[in-house]
Amino acid sequence: MALVQALERHGHRILPTDTCPVETSSRLHPEPQAASATTSPGSPPWKEPR
């Protein structure tokens, strides 16, 4: 919500929609992710391998 509020304060328009759900967690400190064969050490888990 803070991101949306900051964008609105700076004049950006936000289009609310329920067609793209977002999954969130209430944890304050995420658990470390297990290593995966598709990611190299230090690379973000969302980045596609090249």
N, C-alpha and C. Protein backbone atom coordinates (compact mmCIF):
# COMPACT_ATOMS: atom_id res chain seq x y z
N MET A 1 0.82 -1.19 0.00
CA MET A 1 0.00 0.00 0.00
C MET A 1 0.86 1.25 0.00
N ALA A 2 2.01 1.18 0.66
CA ALA A 2 2.87 2.36 0.72
C ALA A 2 3.34 2.75 -0.67
N LEU A 3 3.61 1.78 -1.52
CA LEU A 3 4.04 2.08 -2.88
C LEU A 3 2.93 2.79 -3.65
N VAL A 4 1.72 2.28 -3.55
CA VAL A 4 0.59 2.89 -4.24
C VAL A 4 0.37 4.32 -3.74
N GLN A 5 0.43 4.50 -2.43
CA GLN A 5 0.23 5.83 -1.86
C GLN A 5 1.31 6.80 -2.34
N ALA A 6 2.55 6.34 -2.39
CA ALA A 6 3.64 7.20 -2.85
C ALA A 6 3.45 7.56 -4.32
N LEU A 7 3.05 6.61 -5.13
CA LEU A 7 2.82 6.88 -6.55
C LEU A 7 1.70 7.91 -6.72
N GLU A 8 0.61 7.74 -5.97
CA GLU A 8 -0.50 8.68 -6.05
C GLU A 8 -0.08 10.09 -5.61
N ARG A 9 0.74 10.17 -4.56
CA ARG A 9 1.22 11.48 -4.10
C ARG A 9 2.02 12.20 -5.18
N HIS A 10 2.69 11.43 -6.02
CA HIS A 10 3.50 12.03 -7.08
C HIS A 10 2.74 12.18 -8.40
N GLY A 11 1.43 12.03 -8.34
CA GLY A 11 0.60 12.32 -9.49
C GLY A 11 0.33 11.15 -10.43
N HIS A 12 0.79 9.95 -10.07
CA HIS A 12 0.51 8.79 -10.92
C HIS A 12 -0.91 8.30 -10.68
N ARG A 13 -1.53 7.84 -11.74
CA ARG A 13 -2.88 7.28 -11.62
C ARG A 13 -2.78 5.79 -11.40
N ILE A 14 -3.61 5.27 -10.51
CA ILE A 14 -3.62 3.85 -10.18
C ILE A 14 -4.95 3.27 -10.62
N LEU A 15 -4.91 2.14 -11.32
CA LEU A 15 -6.12 1.46 -11.75
C LEU A 15 -6.34 0.24 -10.87
N PRO A 16 -7.24 0.33 -9.89
CA PRO A 16 -7.51 -0.83 -9.04
C PRO A 16 -8.18 -1.93 -9.86
N THR A 17 -7.75 -3.15 -9.65
CA THR A 17 -8.34 -4.28 -10.36
C THR A 17 -8.20 -5.54 -9.52
N ASP A 18 -9.12 -6.46 -9.69
CA ASP A 18 -9.00 -7.74 -9.00
C ASP A 18 -8.66 -8.87 -9.98
N THR A 19 -8.24 -8.50 -11.18
CA THR A 19 -7.91 -9.52 -12.18
C THR A 19 -6.47 -10.01 -12.07
N CYS A 20 -5.69 -9.39 -11.21
CA CYS A 20 -4.28 -9.78 -11.04
C CYS A 20 -4.01 -9.89 -9.54
N PRO A 21 -4.40 -11.01 -8.92
CA PRO A 21 -4.23 -11.13 -7.47
C PRO A 21 -2.76 -11.18 -7.06
N VAL A 22 -2.48 -10.69 -5.87
CA VAL A 22 -1.13 -10.68 -5.31
C VAL A 22 -1.16 -11.46 -4.00
N GLU A 23 -0.23 -12.38 -3.85
CA GLU A 23 -0.15 -13.15 -2.62
C GLU A 23 0.85 -12.47 -1.69
N THR A 24 0.45 -12.23 -0.45
CA THR A 24 1.32 -11.56 0.50
C THR A 24 1.51 -12.42 1.74
N SER A 25 2.45 -12.04 2.56
CA SER A 25 2.74 -12.75 3.80
C SER A 25 2.77 -11.74 4.94
N SER A 26 2.35 -12.18 6.12
CA SER A 26 2.39 -11.29 7.28
C SER A 26 3.70 -11.39 8.04
N ARG A 27 4.62 -12.25 7.57
CA ARG A 27 5.92 -12.40 8.24
C ARG A 27 6.74 -11.12 8.08
N LEU A 28 7.39 -10.71 9.14
CA LEU A 28 8.25 -9.53 9.09
C LEU A 28 9.62 -9.87 8.53
N HIS A 29 10.07 -11.10 8.73
CA HIS A 29 11.38 -11.55 8.27
C HIS A 29 11.19 -12.82 7.44
N PRO A 30 11.34 -12.74 6.12
CA PRO A 30 11.13 -13.92 5.29
C PRO A 30 12.13 -15.02 5.59
N GLU A 31 11.69 -16.26 5.43
CA GLU A 31 12.59 -17.39 5.61
C GLU A 31 13.55 -17.45 4.43
N PRO A 32 14.79 -17.88 4.66
CA PRO A 32 15.72 -18.00 3.54
C PRO A 32 15.21 -19.01 2.53
N GLN A 33 15.40 -18.72 1.26
CA GLN A 33 14.93 -19.62 0.22
C GLN A 33 15.97 -20.70 -0.01
N ALA A 34 15.49 -21.89 -0.29
CA ALA A 34 16.38 -23.00 -0.60
C ALA A 34 17.04 -22.76 -1.95
N ALA A 35 18.25 -23.25 -2.12
CA ALA A 35 18.95 -23.13 -3.40
C ALA A 35 18.20 -23.90 -4.47
N SER A 36 18.26 -23.40 -5.66
CA SER A 36 17.55 -24.00 -6.77
C SER A 36 18.52 -24.20 -7.93
N ALA A 37 18.24 -25.20 -8.74
CA ALA A 37 19.09 -25.47 -9.90
C ALA A 37 18.96 -24.38 -10.96
N THR A 38 17.89 -23.57 -10.89
CA THR A 38 17.66 -22.55 -11.92
C THR A 38 18.24 -21.20 -11.55
N THR A 39 18.72 -21.05 -10.31
CA THR A 39 19.30 -19.76 -9.93
C THR A 39 20.73 -19.98 -9.45
N SER A 40 21.56 -19.01 -9.70
CA SER A 40 22.93 -19.10 -9.23
C SER A 40 23.03 -18.38 -7.89
N PRO A 41 24.03 -18.71 -7.08
CA PRO A 41 24.15 -18.04 -5.77
C PRO A 41 24.22 -16.53 -5.93
N GLY A 42 23.45 -15.84 -5.12
CA GLY A 42 23.47 -14.38 -5.16
C GLY A 42 22.49 -13.75 -6.13
N SER A 43 21.89 -14.55 -7.02
CA SER A 43 20.94 -13.96 -7.96
C SER A 43 19.55 -13.97 -7.34
N PRO A 44 18.75 -12.94 -7.62
CA PRO A 44 17.39 -12.88 -7.07
C PRO A 44 16.56 -14.06 -7.60
N PRO A 45 15.65 -14.61 -6.79
CA PRO A 45 14.88 -15.78 -7.21
C PRO A 45 13.93 -15.49 -8.36
N TRP A 46 13.59 -14.22 -8.61
CA TRP A 46 12.65 -13.91 -9.69
C TRP A 46 13.34 -13.71 -11.04
N LYS A 47 14.66 -13.63 -11.03
CA LYS A 47 15.39 -13.36 -12.26
C LYS A 47 15.57 -14.65 -13.06
N GLU A 48 15.18 -14.62 -14.31
CA GLU A 48 15.33 -15.79 -15.18
C GLU A 48 16.80 -16.05 -15.48
N PRO A 49 17.21 -17.31 -15.46
CA PRO A 49 18.60 -17.60 -15.84
C PRO A 49 18.85 -17.30 -17.30
N ARG A 50 20.08 -16.95 -17.64
CA ARG A 50 20.42 -16.63 -19.02
C ARG A 50 21.04 -17.81 -19.72
